[in-house]
């Protein structure tokens, strides 16, 4: 983990709050809510850095790309590095993002 940039470590800490896997869309909303100036390309660069380091794997194609931590212990380690106050703030942010991203999707999937 020490070989990763500080920005990549921060993004991975945010992702750890989401659990072992996440989509680009969700982490993008997490990042832009915390750091409004973070661009889509910057987030992609950070995700690619983590993939090249072997921390994340990428699965899927097109708009259905999922990122997964290589090992559950990585998630635990990253999560435990966050202060209690930061974890609470990130959990609130994650709840807001997940609600906004997935709101109404249950009706879409039921109709399919």
Protein backbone atom coordinates (compact mmCIF):
# COMPACT_ATOMS: atom_id res chain seq x y z
CA UNK A 1 0.00 0.00 0.00
CA UNK A 2 2.88 2.38 0.67
CA UNK A 3 3.85 2.37 -3.01
CA UNK A 4 0.48 3.90 -3.95
CA UNK A 5 0.04 7.65 -4.20
CA UNK A 6 -1.71 9.45 -1.35
CA UNK A 7 -4.65 10.21 -3.66
CA UNK A 8 -4.99 6.54 -4.59
CA UNK A 9 -4.86 5.49 -0.94
CA UNK A 10 -7.58 8.04 -0.13
CA UNK A 11 -9.81 6.74 -2.94
CA UNK A 12 -9.28 3.16 -1.75
CA UNK A 13 -10.16 4.18 1.81
CA UNK A 14 -13.41 5.67 0.51
CA UNK A 15 -14.04 2.48 -1.47
CA UNK A 16 -13.40 0.31 1.60
CA UNK A 17 -16.47 1.86 3.23
CA UNK A 18 -18.48 0.39 0.34
CA UNK A 19 -17.20 -3.13 1.04
CA UNK A 20 -15.28 -5.54 -1.16
CA UNK A 21 -16.58 -4.35 -4.53
CA UNK A 22 -18.00 -1.23 -6.13
CA UNK A 23 -18.86 0.30 -9.48
CA UNK A 24 -17.18 3.25 -11.13
CA UNK A 25 -20.41 5.22 -10.94
CA UNK A 26 -20.63 4.83 -7.16
CA UNK A 27 -16.98 5.66 -6.41
CA UNK A 28 -17.21 8.62 -8.79
CA UNK A 29 -20.12 10.03 -6.78
CA UNK A 30 -18.27 9.31 -3.53
CA UNK A 31 -15.18 11.14 -4.77
CA UNK A 32 -16.91 14.13 -6.33
CA UNK A 33 -18.96 14.62 -3.18
CA UNK A 34 -15.83 14.69 -1.04
CA UNK A 35 -13.50 16.43 -3.52
CA UNK A 36 -15.64 18.42 -5.94
CA UNK A 37 -12.68 19.16 -8.21
CA UNK A 38 -11.91 15.47 -8.85
CA UNK A 39 -12.46 14.70 -12.53
CA UNK A 40 -13.59 11.43 -14.09
CA UNK A 41 -10.14 11.02 -15.69
CA UNK A 42 -8.43 11.51 -12.33
CA UNK A 43 -10.62 8.82 -10.76
CA UNK A 44 -9.87 6.47 -13.66
CA UNK A 45 -6.14 7.16 -13.25
CA UNK A 46 -6.34 6.30 -9.55
CA UNK A 47 -8.31 3.12 -10.21
CA UNK A 48 -5.77 2.09 -12.87
CA UNK A 49 -2.94 2.76 -10.39
CA UNK A 50 -4.62 0.42 -7.89
CA UNK A 51 -5.19 -2.24 -10.57
CA UNK A 52 -1.56 -2.08 -11.72
CA UNK A 53 -0.44 -2.43 -8.10
CA UNK A 54 -2.59 -5.54 -7.73
CA UNK A 55 -4.88 -4.03 -5.10
CA UNK A 56 -8.01 -4.03 -7.29
CA UNK A 57 -9.32 -6.19 -10.09
CA UNK A 58 -11.65 -4.96 -12.82
CA UNK A 59 -14.51 -7.07 -14.15
CA UNK A 60 -17.15 -6.40 -16.78
CA UNK A 61 -17.37 -4.19 -19.83
CA UNK A 62 -19.04 -1.00 -20.98
CA UNK A 63 -21.19 0.60 -18.31
CA UNK A 64 -21.19 -2.54 -16.15
CA UNK A 65 -17.64 -2.44 -14.82
CA UNK A 66 -17.10 -3.57 -11.24
CA UNK A 67 -13.96 -3.11 -9.20
CA UNK A 68 -13.12 -5.62 -6.51
CA UNK A 69 -10.43 -5.63 -3.87
CA UNK A 70 -7.94 -8.42 -4.48
CA UNK A 71 -8.33 -9.71 -0.90
CA UNK A 72 -10.82 -9.00 1.92
CA UNK A 73 -7.96 -8.19 4.29
CA UNK A 74 -7.12 -5.18 2.14
CA UNK A 75 -10.61 -3.82 2.75
CA UNK A 76 -10.24 -4.39 6.49
CA UNK A 77 -6.81 -2.76 6.58
CA UNK A 78 -7.95 0.31 4.65
CA UNK A 79 -11.13 0.62 6.71
CA UNK A 80 -9.25 0.38 10.00
CA UNK A 81 -6.88 3.15 8.90
CA UNK A 82 -9.79 5.61 8.84
CA UNK A 83 -10.61 7.54 11.99
CA UNK A 84 -13.99 6.88 13.59
CA UNK A 85 -15.18 10.37 12.59
CA UNK A 86 -14.10 9.88 8.97
CA UNK A 87 -15.74 6.42 8.83
CA UNK A 88 -19.01 7.91 10.08
CA UNK A 89 -18.86 10.73 7.51
CA UNK A 90 -18.03 8.31 4.68
CA UNK A 91 -20.84 5.96 5.71
CA UNK A 92 -23.29 8.87 5.55
CA UNK A 93 -21.92 9.84 2.15
CA UNK A 94 -22.10 6.23 0.91
CA UNK A 95 -25.72 5.94 2.03
CA UNK A 96 -26.62 9.15 0.16
CA UNK A 97 -24.79 8.03 -2.98
CA UNK A 98 -26.22 4.51 -3.00
CA UNK A 99 -29.74 5.82 -2.48
CA UNK A 100 -29.36 8.33 -5.30
CA UNK A 101 -27.67 5.90 -7.72
CA UNK A 102 -29.99 2.95 -7.14
CA UNK A 103 -33.27 4.73 -6.37
CA UNK A 104 -35.97 3.47 -8.72
CA UNK A 105 -33.87 0.59 -10.04
CA UNK A 106 -35.96 -2.04 -8.27
CA UNK A 107 -38.96 -1.00 -10.39
CA UNK A 108 -36.85 -1.15 -13.58
CA UNK A 109 -35.61 -4.63 -12.79
CA UNK A 110 -39.08 -5.84 -11.84
CA UNK A 111 -40.44 -4.73 -15.21
CA UNK A 112 -37.69 -6.50 -17.16
